[in-house]
């Protein structure tokens, strides 16, 4: 029986492989270009920090940053990122002090000292992240904090610090360090995720001795903010912030409902 050669059309396989390679390369670049820059440029993850002997629970360096960089726009306190982008040495110094705290030292603190430390840390690292990447590769100011992240990792999942030897992302701080260890729904009115729908940024740090009062004030301010919550009398409808939906379990479990 004569041998019949079989002709295989490789073109369709080559095209399919090329498409896969292109998609993988695109995802990699979109996900890692900014993230790698964030991890290396901030010099926080790779900097050896001497453990702190004492810690300033008044967070004076953070207070200095807030007083120098905040401004009021449309009845809301925000950061002048153009200014902070050019000069954020004090903020970096403060974040290094935060990272110098050891887990053993943290465990010896009171509950309010621990919580105020974590709240201030979340807000400080959020603002530092935006300040350092406020100008994009095209020399333009970014429009949203989401631009700093990638496709596979959001801005809040980027490793940008090392707190207490285990927390490395903003999501770690909010969902593990705070939400899992503190039964305190009012933290959702003080954690500033540098987005329009987030709670207002206060011009003073959260301090252990004043924390309960500060949380109460922040809760009241958020609930009464017409940009976050409002009543339409004509439609007899109450419009509330999505925060109450996203974190419903925090507001209804193990505590009095807000």
C-alpha atoms as a PDB file:
ATOM      1  CA  UNK A   1       0.000   0.000   0.000  1.00  0.00           C
ATOM      2  CA  UNK A   2       1.553   3.288  -1.066  1.00  0.00           C
ATOM      3  CA  UNK A   3       2.362   5.743   1.744  1.00  0.00           C
ATOM      4  CA  UNK A   4       0.219   8.874   1.752  1.00  0.00           C
ATOM      5  CA  UNK A   5       1.722  11.902   3.380  1.00  0.00           C
ATOM      6  CA  UNK A   6      -0.536  13.864   5.697  1.00  0.00           C
ATOM      7  CA  UNK A   7      -0.449  17.614   5.298  1.00  0.00           C
ATOM      8  CA  UNK A   8      -0.941  19.471   8.578  1.00  0.00           C
ATOM      9  CA  UNK A   9      -1.975  23.107   8.574  1.00  0.00           C
ATOM     10  CA  UNK A  10       0.162  24.643  11.289  1.00  0.00           C
ATOM     11  CA  UNK A  11      -0.956  28.199  10.601  1.00  0.00           C
ATOM     12  CA  UNK A  12      -4.019  27.989  12.850  1.00  0.00           C
ATOM     13  CA  UNK A  13      -1.909  26.654  15.743  1.00  0.00           C
ATOM     14  CA  UNK A  14       0.693  29.368  15.290  1.00  0.00           C
ATOM     15  CA  UNK A  15      -2.038  32.019  15.287  1.00  0.00           C
ATOM     16  CA  UNK A  16      -3.612  30.602  18.463  1.00  0.00           C
ATOM     17  CA  UNK A  17      -0.252  30.405  20.252  1.00  0.00           C
ATOM     18  CA  UNK A  18       0.569  33.965  19.208  1.00  0.00           C
ATOM     19  CA  UNK A  19      -2.718  35.177  20.639  1.00  0.00           C
ATOM     20  CA  UNK A  20      -2.091  33.407  23.953  1.00  0.00           C
ATOM     21  CA  UNK A  21       1.436  34.825  24.227  1.00  0.00           C
ATOM     22  CA  UNK A  22       0.138  38.321  23.474  1.00  0.00           C
ATOM     23  CA  UNK A  23      -2.601  38.091  26.104  1.00  0.00           C
ATOM     24  CA  UNK A  24      -0.237  36.747  28.772  1.00  0.00           C
ATOM     25  CA  UNK A  25       2.334  39.454  27.995  1.00  0.00           C
ATOM     26  CA  UNK A  26      -0.338  42.163  28.137  1.00  0.00           C
ATOM     27  CA  UNK A  27      -1.663  40.991  31.504  1.00  0.00           C
ATOM     28  CA  UNK A  28       1.854  40.722  32.900  1.00  0.00           C
ATOM     29  CA  UNK A  29       2.793  44.229  31.836  1.00  0.00           C
ATOM     30  CA  UNK A  30      -0.441  45.783  33.056  1.00  0.00           C
ATOM     31  CA  UNK A  31      -0.249  43.990  36.369  1.00  0.00           C
ATOM     32  CA  UNK A  32       3.444  44.334  37.187  1.00  0.00           C
ATOM     33  CA  UNK A  33       4.753  47.543  35.677  1.00  0.00           C
ATOM     34  CA  UNK A  34       3.207  49.850  38.255  1.00  0.00           C
ATOM     35  CA  UNK A  35       3.302  47.325  41.082  1.00  0.00           C
ATOM     36  CA  UNK A  36       7.046  46.727  40.674  1.00  0.00           C
ATOM     37  CA  UNK A  37       7.645  50.454  40.607  1.00  0.00           C
ATOM     38  CA  UNK A  38       5.629  50.832  43.795  1.00  0.00           C
ATOM     39  CA  UNK A  39       7.488  48.069  45.608  1.00  0.00           C
ATOM     40  CA  UNK A  40      10.962  49.285  44.639  1.00  0.00           C
ATOM     41  CA  UNK A  41      10.658  53.069  44.466  1.00  0.00           C
ATOM     42  CA  UNK A  42       9.141  53.644  47.885  1.00  0.00           C
ATOM     43  CA  UNK A  43      12.222  52.094  49.537  1.00  0.00           C
ATOM     44  CA  UNK A  44      10.057  50.833  52.374  1.00  0.00           C
ATOM     45  CA  UNK A  45       9.907  47.106  51.761  1.00  0.00           C
ATOM     46  CA  UNK A  46      13.670  46.830  51.257  1.00  0.00           C
ATOM     47  CA  UNK A  47      14.845  49.234  53.948  1.00  0.00           C
ATOM     48  CA  UNK A  48      16.290  47.798  57.146  1.00  0.00           C
ATOM     49  CA  UNK A  49      14.530  49.538  60.019  1.00  0.00           C
ATOM     50  CA  UNK A  50      15.781  49.532  63.584  1.00  0.00           C
ATOM     51  CA  UNK A  51      13.082  48.360  66.026  1.00  0.00           C
ATOM     52  CA  UNK A  52      11.524  51.200  67.977  1.00  0.00           C
ATOM     53  CA  UNK A  53      12.273  51.504  71.693  1.00  0.00           C
ATOM     54  CA  UNK A  54       9.477  53.984  72.277  1.00  0.00           C
ATOM     55  CA  UNK A  55       6.609  55.087  70.099  1.00  0.00           C
ATOM     56  CA  UNK A  56       4.895  58.457  69.914  1.00  0.00           C
ATOM     57  CA  UNK A  57       1.234  57.680  70.526  1.00  0.00           C
ATOM     58  CA  UNK A  58       0.355  61.281  69.691  1.00  0.00           C
ATOM     59  CA  UNK A  59       1.535  60.601  66.121  1.00  0.00           C
ATOM     60  CA  UNK A  60       3.082  64.066  65.872  1.00  0.00           C
ATOM     61  CA  UNK A  61       4.833  63.457  62.551  1.00  0.00           C
ATOM     62  CA  UNK A  62       1.560  62.354  60.989  1.00  0.00           C
ATOM     63  CA  UNK A  63      -0.123  65.437  62.453  1.00  0.00           C
ATOM     64  CA  UNK A  64       2.562  67.580  60.822  1.00  0.00           C
ATOM     65  CA  UNK A  65       1.916  65.974  57.440  1.00  0.00           C
ATOM     66  CA  UNK A  66      -1.850  66.478  57.739  1.00  0.00           C
ATOM     67  CA  UNK A  67      -1.563  70.120  58.765  1.00  0.00           C
ATOM     68  CA  UNK A  68       0.850  70.921  55.947  1.00  0.00           C
ATOM     69  CA  UNK A  69      -0.859  68.979  53.155  1.00  0.00           C
ATOM     70  CA  UNK A  70      -4.625  69.041  53.706  1.00  0.00           C
ATOM     71  CA  UNK A  71      -7.029  71.527  52.177  1.00  0.00           C
ATOM     72  CA  UNK A  72     -10.806  71.875  52.102  1.00  0.00           C
ATOM     73  CA  UNK A  73     -12.546  71.457  48.759  1.00  0.00           C
ATOM     74  CA  UNK A  74     -16.335  71.237  48.367  1.00  0.00           C
ATOM     75  CA  UNK A  75     -16.903  70.816  52.092  1.00  0.00           C
ATOM     76  CA  UNK A  76     -14.451  67.926  52.240  1.00  0.00           C
ATOM     77  CA  UNK A  77     -10.889  67.670  53.479  1.00  0.00           C
ATOM     78  CA  UNK A  78      -8.417  66.384  50.939  1.00  0.00           C
ATOM     79  CA  UNK A  79      -4.698  66.162  50.304  1.00  0.00           C
ATOM     80  CA  UNK A  80      -2.801  68.496  48.008  1.00  0.00           C
ATOM     81  CA  UNK A  81      -1.047  65.649  46.211  1.00  0.00           C
ATOM     82  CA  UNK A  82       0.819  67.904  43.802  1.00  0.00           C
ATOM     83  CA  UNK A  83       2.516  69.490  46.813  1.00  0.00           C
ATOM     84  CA  UNK A  84       3.018  66.237  48.695  1.00  0.00           C
ATOM     85  CA  UNK A  85       4.393  64.497  45.590  1.00  0.00           C
ATOM     86  CA  UNK A  86       7.291  66.971  45.551  1.00  0.00           C
ATOM     87  CA  UNK A  87       7.990  66.781  49.257  1.00  0.00           C
ATOM     88  CA  UNK A  88       6.973  63.700  51.251  1.00  0.00           C
ATOM     89  CA  UNK A  89      10.088  63.117  53.365  1.00  0.00           C
ATOM     90  CA  UNK A  90       8.225  63.671  56.648  1.00  0.00           C
ATOM     91  CA  UNK A  91       5.552  61.196  55.584  1.00  0.00           C
ATOM     92  CA  UNK A  92       8.187  58.599  54.715  1.00  0.00           C
ATOM     93  CA  UNK A  93       9.848  59.187  58.098  1.00  0.00           C
ATOM     94  CA  UNK A  94       6.517  58.605  59.838  1.00  0.00           C
ATOM     95  CA  UNK A  95       5.798  55.403  57.911  1.00  0.00           C
ATOM     96  CA  UNK A  96       9.234  54.089  58.841  1.00  0.00           C
ATOM     97  CA  UNK A  97       8.471  54.738  62.505  1.00  0.00           C
ATOM     98  CA  UNK A  98       5.260  52.766  62.062  1.00  0.00           C
ATOM     99  CA  UNK A  99       7.221  49.855  60.620  1.00  0.00           C
ATOM    100  CA  UNK A 100       9.771  50.016  63.430  1.00  0.00           C
ATOM    101  CA  UNK A 101       7.135  48.827  65.921  1.00  0.00           C
ATOM    102  CA  UNK A 102       7.568  45.145  66.757  1.00  0.00           C
ATOM    103  CA  UNK A 103       4.717  42.702  67.295  1.00  0.00           C
ATOM    104  CA  UNK A 104       5.854  42.186  70.910  1.00  0.00           C
ATOM    105  CA  UNK A 105       5.729  45.927  71.527  1.00  0.00           C
ATOM    106  CA  UNK A 106       2.319  46.189  69.863  1.00  0.00           C
ATOM    107  CA  UNK A 107       0.892  43.431  72.074  1.00  0.00           C
ATOM    108  CA  UNK A 108       1.787  45.427  75.200  1.00  0.00           C
ATOM    109  CA  UNK A 109      -0.254  48.422  74.105  1.00  0.00           C
ATOM    110  CA  UNK A 110      -3.824  49.163  75.142  1.00  0.00           C
ATOM    111  CA  UNK A 111      -6.652  48.403  72.733  1.00  0.00           C
ATOM    112  CA  UNK A 112      -7.047  52.078  71.813  1.00  0.00           C
ATOM    113  CA  UNK A 113      -3.321  52.492  71.237  1.00  0.00           C
ATOM    114  CA  UNK A 114      -3.353  49.514  68.895  1.00  0.00           C
ATOM    115  CA  UNK A 115      -6.421  50.642  66.971  1.00  0.00           C
ATOM    116  CA  UNK A 116      -5.318  54.258  66.586  1.00  0.00           C
ATOM    117  CA  UNK A 117      -1.929  53.009  65.345  1.00  0.00           C
ATOM    118  CA  UNK A 118      -3.583  50.821  62.693  1.00  0.00           C
ATOM    119  CA  UNK A 119      -6.026  53.525  61.568  1.00  0.00           C
ATOM    120  CA  UNK A 120      -3.290  56.130  61.191  1.00  0.00           C
ATOM    121  CA  UNK A 121      -1.069  53.587  59.432  1.00  0.00           C
ATOM    122  CA  UNK A 122      -3.783  52.766  56.892  1.00  0.00           C
ATOM    123  CA  UNK A 123      -4.411  56.419  56.104  1.00  0.00           C
ATOM    124  CA  UNK A 124      -0.725  57.323  55.982  1.00  0.00           C
ATOM    125  CA  UNK A 125       0.247  54.491  53.626  1.00  0.00           C
ATOM    126  CA  UNK A 126      -2.778  55.179  51.393  1.00  0.00           C
ATOM    127  CA  UNK A 127      -1.721  58.788  51.014  1.00  0.00           C
ATOM    128  CA  UNK A 128       1.954  57.935  50.548  1.00  0.00           C
ATOM    129  CA  UNK A 129       1.065  55.494  47.787  1.00  0.00           C
ATOM    130  CA  UNK A 130      -0.806  58.192  45.868  1.00  0.00           C
ATOM    131  CA  UNK A 131       1.771  60.891  46.606  1.00  0.00           C
ATOM    132  CA  UNK A 132       4.626  58.849  45.174  1.00  0.00           C
ATOM    133  CA  UNK A 133       2.681  57.893  42.036  1.00  0.00           C
ATOM    134  CA  UNK A 134       0.687  61.064  41.592  1.00  0.00           C
ATOM    135  CA  UNK A 135       2.439  61.735  38.272  1.00  0.00           C
ATOM    136  CA  UNK A 136       2.206  58.869  35.767  1.00  0.00           C
ATOM    137  CA  UNK A 137       4.694  57.825  33.089  1.00  0.00           C
ATOM    138  CA  UNK A 138       3.224  60.387  30.689  1.00  0.00           C
ATOM    139  CA  UNK A 139       3.897  63.231  33.108  1.00  0.00           C
ATOM    140  CA  UNK A 140       0.194  63.621  33.878  1.00  0.00           C
ATOM    141  CA  UNK A 141      -1.515  63.575  37.256  1.00  0.00           C
ATOM    142  CA  UNK A 142      -3.449  60.357  37.829  1.00  0.00           C
ATOM    143  CA  UNK A 143      -7.248  60.593  37.867  1.00  0.00           C
ATOM    144  CA  UNK A 144      -7.847  57.725  40.273  1.00  0.00           C
ATOM    145  CA  UNK A 145      -5.980  55.724  42.877  1.00  0.00           C
ATOM    146  CA  UNK A 146      -7.037  52.635  40.919  1.00  0.00           C
ATOM    147  CA  UNK A 147      -4.532  53.571  38.202  1.00  0.00           C
ATOM    148  CA  UNK A 148      -1.717  52.549  40.532  1.00  0.00           C
ATOM    149  CA  UNK A 149      -2.843  48.938  40.601  1.00  0.00           C
ATOM    150  CA  UNK A 150      -2.977  46.387  37.801  1.00  0.00           C
ATOM    151  CA  UNK A 151      -5.422  43.936  36.280  1.00  0.00           C
ATOM    152  CA  UNK A 152      -4.729  41.018  38.607  1.00  0.00           C
ATOM    153  CA  UNK A 153      -3.945  43.057  41.733  1.00  0.00           C
ATOM    154  CA  UNK A 154      -5.813  46.119  42.880  1.00  0.00           C
ATOM    155  CA  UNK A 155      -4.113  49.110  44.479  1.00  0.00           C
ATOM    156  CA  UNK A 156      -5.101  47.792  47.906  1.00  0.00           C
ATOM    157  CA  UNK A 157      -3.403  44.426  47.268  1.00  0.00           C
ATOM    158  CA  UNK A 158       0.047  45.827  46.431  1.00  0.00           C
ATOM    159  CA  UNK A 159       2.786  45.062  48.947  1.00  0.00           C
ATOM    160  CA  UNK A 160       4.118  48.439  50.037  1.00  0.00           C
ATOM    161  CA  UNK A 161       5.077  48.053  53.707  1.00  0.00           C
ATOM    162  CA  UNK A 162       5.841  45.560  56.448  1.00  0.00           C
ATOM    163  CA  UNK A 163       3.927  46.146  59.669  1.00  0.00           C
ATOM    164  CA  UNK A 164       4.334  43.962  62.732  1.00  0.00           C
ATOM    165  CA  UNK A 165       6.065  41.357  60.579  1.00  0.00           C
ATOM    166  CA  UNK A 166       2.876  40.187  58.830  1.00  0.00           C
ATOM    167  CA  UNK A 167       0.827  42.982  57.278  1.00  0.00           C
ATOM    168  CA  UNK A 168       2.049  44.132  53.852  1.00  0.00           C
ATOM    169  CA  UNK A 169      -0.956  45.554  51.981  1.00  0.00           C
ATOM    170  CA  UNK A 170      -3.772  47.995  52.671  1.00  0.00           C
ATOM    171  CA  UNK A 171      -6.236  45.105  52.435  1.00  0.00           C
ATOM    172  CA  UNK A 172      -4.197  43.285  55.098  1.00  0.00           C
ATOM    173  CA  UNK A 173      -4.561  46.259  57.416  1.00  0.00           C
ATOM    174  CA  UNK A 174      -8.277  46.759  56.920  1.00  0.00           C
ATOM    175  CA  UNK A 175      -9.626  43.233  56.609  1.00  0.00           C
ATOM    176  CA  UNK A 176      -7.207  41.277  58.811  1.00  0.00           C
ATOM    177  CA  UNK A 177      -5.443  43.547  61.295  1.00  0.00           C
ATOM    178  CA  UNK A 178      -8.502  45.678  62.056  1.00  0.00           C
ATOM    179  CA  UNK A 179     -11.741  43.947  61.085  1.00  0.00           C
ATOM    180  CA  UNK A 180     -10.734  40.496  62.343  1.00  0.00           C
ATOM    181  CA  UNK A 181      -9.279  41.714  65.634  1.00  0.00           C
ATOM    182  CA  UNK A 182     -11.506  44.633  66.607  1.00  0.00           C
ATOM    183  CA  UNK A 183     -15.266  44.593  66.857  1.00  0.00           C
ATOM    184  CA  UNK A 184     -15.500  48.213  65.793  1.00  0.00           C
ATOM    185  CA  UNK A 185     -17.761  49.131  62.833  1.00  0.00           C
ATOM    186  CA  UNK A 186     -16.961  52.834  63.229  1.00  0.00           C
ATOM    187  CA  UNK A 187     -13.572  52.255  61.607  1.00  0.00           C
ATOM    188  CA  UNK A 188     -15.390  52.417  58.248  1.00  0.00           C
ATOM    189  CA  UNK A 189     -15.916  56.133  58.868  1.00  0.00           C
ATOM    190  CA  UNK A 190     -12.226  56.862  59.487  1.00  0.00           C
ATOM    191  CA  UNK A 191     -10.299  54.681  57.026  1.00  0.00           C
ATOM    192  CA  UNK A 192      -9.605  56.881  54.034  1.00  0.00           C
ATOM    193  CA  UNK A 193      -9.118  54.932  50.800  1.00  0.00           C
ATOM    194  CA  UNK A 194      -8.293  58.146  48.883  1.00  0.00           C
ATOM    195  CA  UNK A 195     -11.428  57.878  46.747  1.00  0.00           C
ATOM    196  CA  UNK A 196     -14.479  60.126  46.407  1.00  0.00           C
ATOM    197  CA  UNK A 197     -16.807  57.795  48.299  1.00  0.00           C
ATOM    198  CA  UNK A 198     -14.441  57.402  51.254  1.00  0.00           C
ATOM    199  CA  UNK A 199     -14.877  59.131  54.621  1.00  0.00           C
ATOM    200  CA  UNK A 200     -13.421  62.614  54.968  1.00  0.00           C
ATOM    201  CA  UNK A 201      -9.793  62.788  55.996  1.00  0.00           C
ATOM    202  CA  UNK A 202      -9.386  64.505  59.351  1.00  0.00           C
ATOM    203  CA  UNK A 203      -6.699  67.136  59.858  1.00  0.00           C
ATOM    204  CA  UNK A 204      -5.543  65.509  63.082  1.00  0.00           C
ATOM    205  CA  UNK A 205      -4.318  61.975  63.842  1.00  0.00           C
ATOM    206  CA  UNK A 206      -6.351  59.453  65.810  1.00  0.00           C
ATOM    207  CA  UNK A 207      -5.048  59.269  69.366  1.00  0.00           C
ATOM    208  CA  UNK A 208      -5.705  56.556  71.937  1.00  0.00           C
ATOM    209  CA  UNK A 209      -6.878  58.899  74.699  1.00  0.00           C
ATOM    210  CA  UNK A 210      -9.368  60.582  72.347  1.00  0.00           C
ATOM    211  CA  UNK A 211     -10.218  57.664  70.100  1.00  0.00           C
ATOM    212  CA  UNK A 212     -13.780  56.923  71.211  1.00  0.00           C
ATOM    213  CA  UNK A 213     -14.798  60.563  70.862  1.00  0.00           C
ATOM    214  CA  UNK A 214     -13.049  60.815  67.486  1.00  0.00           C
ATOM    215  CA  UNK A 215     -14.836  57.720  66.207  1.00  0.00           C
ATOM    216  CA  UNK A 216     -18.183  59.093  67.375  1.00  0.00           C
ATOM    217  CA  UNK A 217     -17.544  62.415  65.632  1.00  0.00           C
ATOM    218  CA  UNK A 218     -16.440  60.691  62.434  1.00  0.00           C
ATOM    219  CA  UNK A 219     -19.557  58.498  62.466  1.00  0.00           C
ATOM    220  CA  UNK A 220     -21.862  61.465  62.939  1.00  0.00           C
ATOM    221  CA  UNK A 221     -20.087  63.508  60.253  1.00  0.00           C
ATOM    222  CA  UNK A 222     -20.310  60.652  57.756  1.00  0.00           C
ATOM    223  CA  UNK A 223     -23.985  59.922  58.373  1.00  0.00           C
ATOM    224  CA  UNK A 224     -24.926  63.608  58.148  1.00  0.00           C
ATOM    225  CA  UNK A 225     -22.850  64.205  55.015  1.00  0.00           C
ATOM    226  CA  UNK A 226     -25.392  64.909  52.225  1.00  0.00           C
ATOM    227  CA  UNK A 227     -22.875  63.715  49.635  1.00  0.00           C
ATOM    228  CA  UNK A 228     -22.842  60.287  51.296  1.00  0.00           C
ATOM    229  CA  UNK A 229     -26.393  59.938  52.624  1.00  0.00           C
ATOM    230  CA  UNK A 230     -29.560  61.916  51.959  1.00  0.00           C
ATOM    231  CA  UNK A 231     -33.334  61.824  52.209  1.00  0.00           C
ATOM    232  CA  UNK A 232     -35.454  62.656  49.186  1.00  0.00           C
ATOM    233  CA  UNK A 233     -38.598  64.002  50.827  1.00  0.00           C
ATOM    234  CA  UNK A 234     -40.532  64.199  47.579  1.00  0.00           C
ATOM    235  CA  UNK A 235     -39.807  60.564  46.707  1.00  0.00           C
ATOM    236  CA  UNK A 236     -39.906  59.509  50.363  1.00  0.00           C
ATOM    237  CA  UNK A 237     -36.642  57.658  49.778  1.00  0.00           C
ATOM    238  CA  UNK A 238     -33.484  57.347  51.865  1.00  0.00           C
ATOM    239  CA  UNK A 239     -30.233  57.103  49.922  1.00  0.00           C
ATOM    240  CA  UNK A 240     -27.296  55.760  51.904  1.00  0.00           C
ATOM    241  CA  UNK A 241     -23.626  55.124  51.223  1.00  0.00           C
ATOM    242  CA  UNK A 242     -22.620  51.760  49.757  1.00  0.00           C
ATOM    243  CA  UNK A 243     -20.355  51.331  52.774  1.00  0.00           C
ATOM    244  CA  UNK A 244     -23.400  50.182  54.750  1.00  0.00           C
ATOM    245  CA  UNK A 245     -24.034  47.511  52.133  1.00  0.00           C
ATOM    246  CA  UNK A 246     -20.415  46.411  51.646  1.00  0.00           C
ATOM    247  CA  UNK A 247     -19.845  46.004  55.392  1.00  0.00           C
ATOM    248  CA  UNK A 248     -23.344  45.131  56.556  1.00  0.00           C
ATOM    249  CA  UNK A 249     -22.043  42.270  58.663  1.00  0.00           C
ATOM    250  CA  UNK A 250     -19.822  44.680  60.639  1.00  0.00           C
ATOM    251  CA  UNK A 251     -22.759  46.953  61.429  1.00  0.00           C
ATOM    252  CA  UNK A 252     -25.182  44.200  62.432  1.00  0.00           C
ATOM    253  CA  UNK A 253     -23.056  41.497  64.097  1.00  0.00           C
ATOM    254  CA  UNK A 254     -21.940  41.597  67.715  1.00  0.00           C
ATOM    255  CA  UNK A 255     -22.694  45.264  68.197  1.00  0.00           C
ATOM    256  CA  UNK A 256     -25.539  47.738  68.238  1.00  0.00           C
ATOM    257  CA  UNK A 257     -26.728  48.737  64.785  1.00  0.00           C
ATOM    258  CA  UNK A 258     -25.614  52.147  63.610  1.00  0.00           C
END
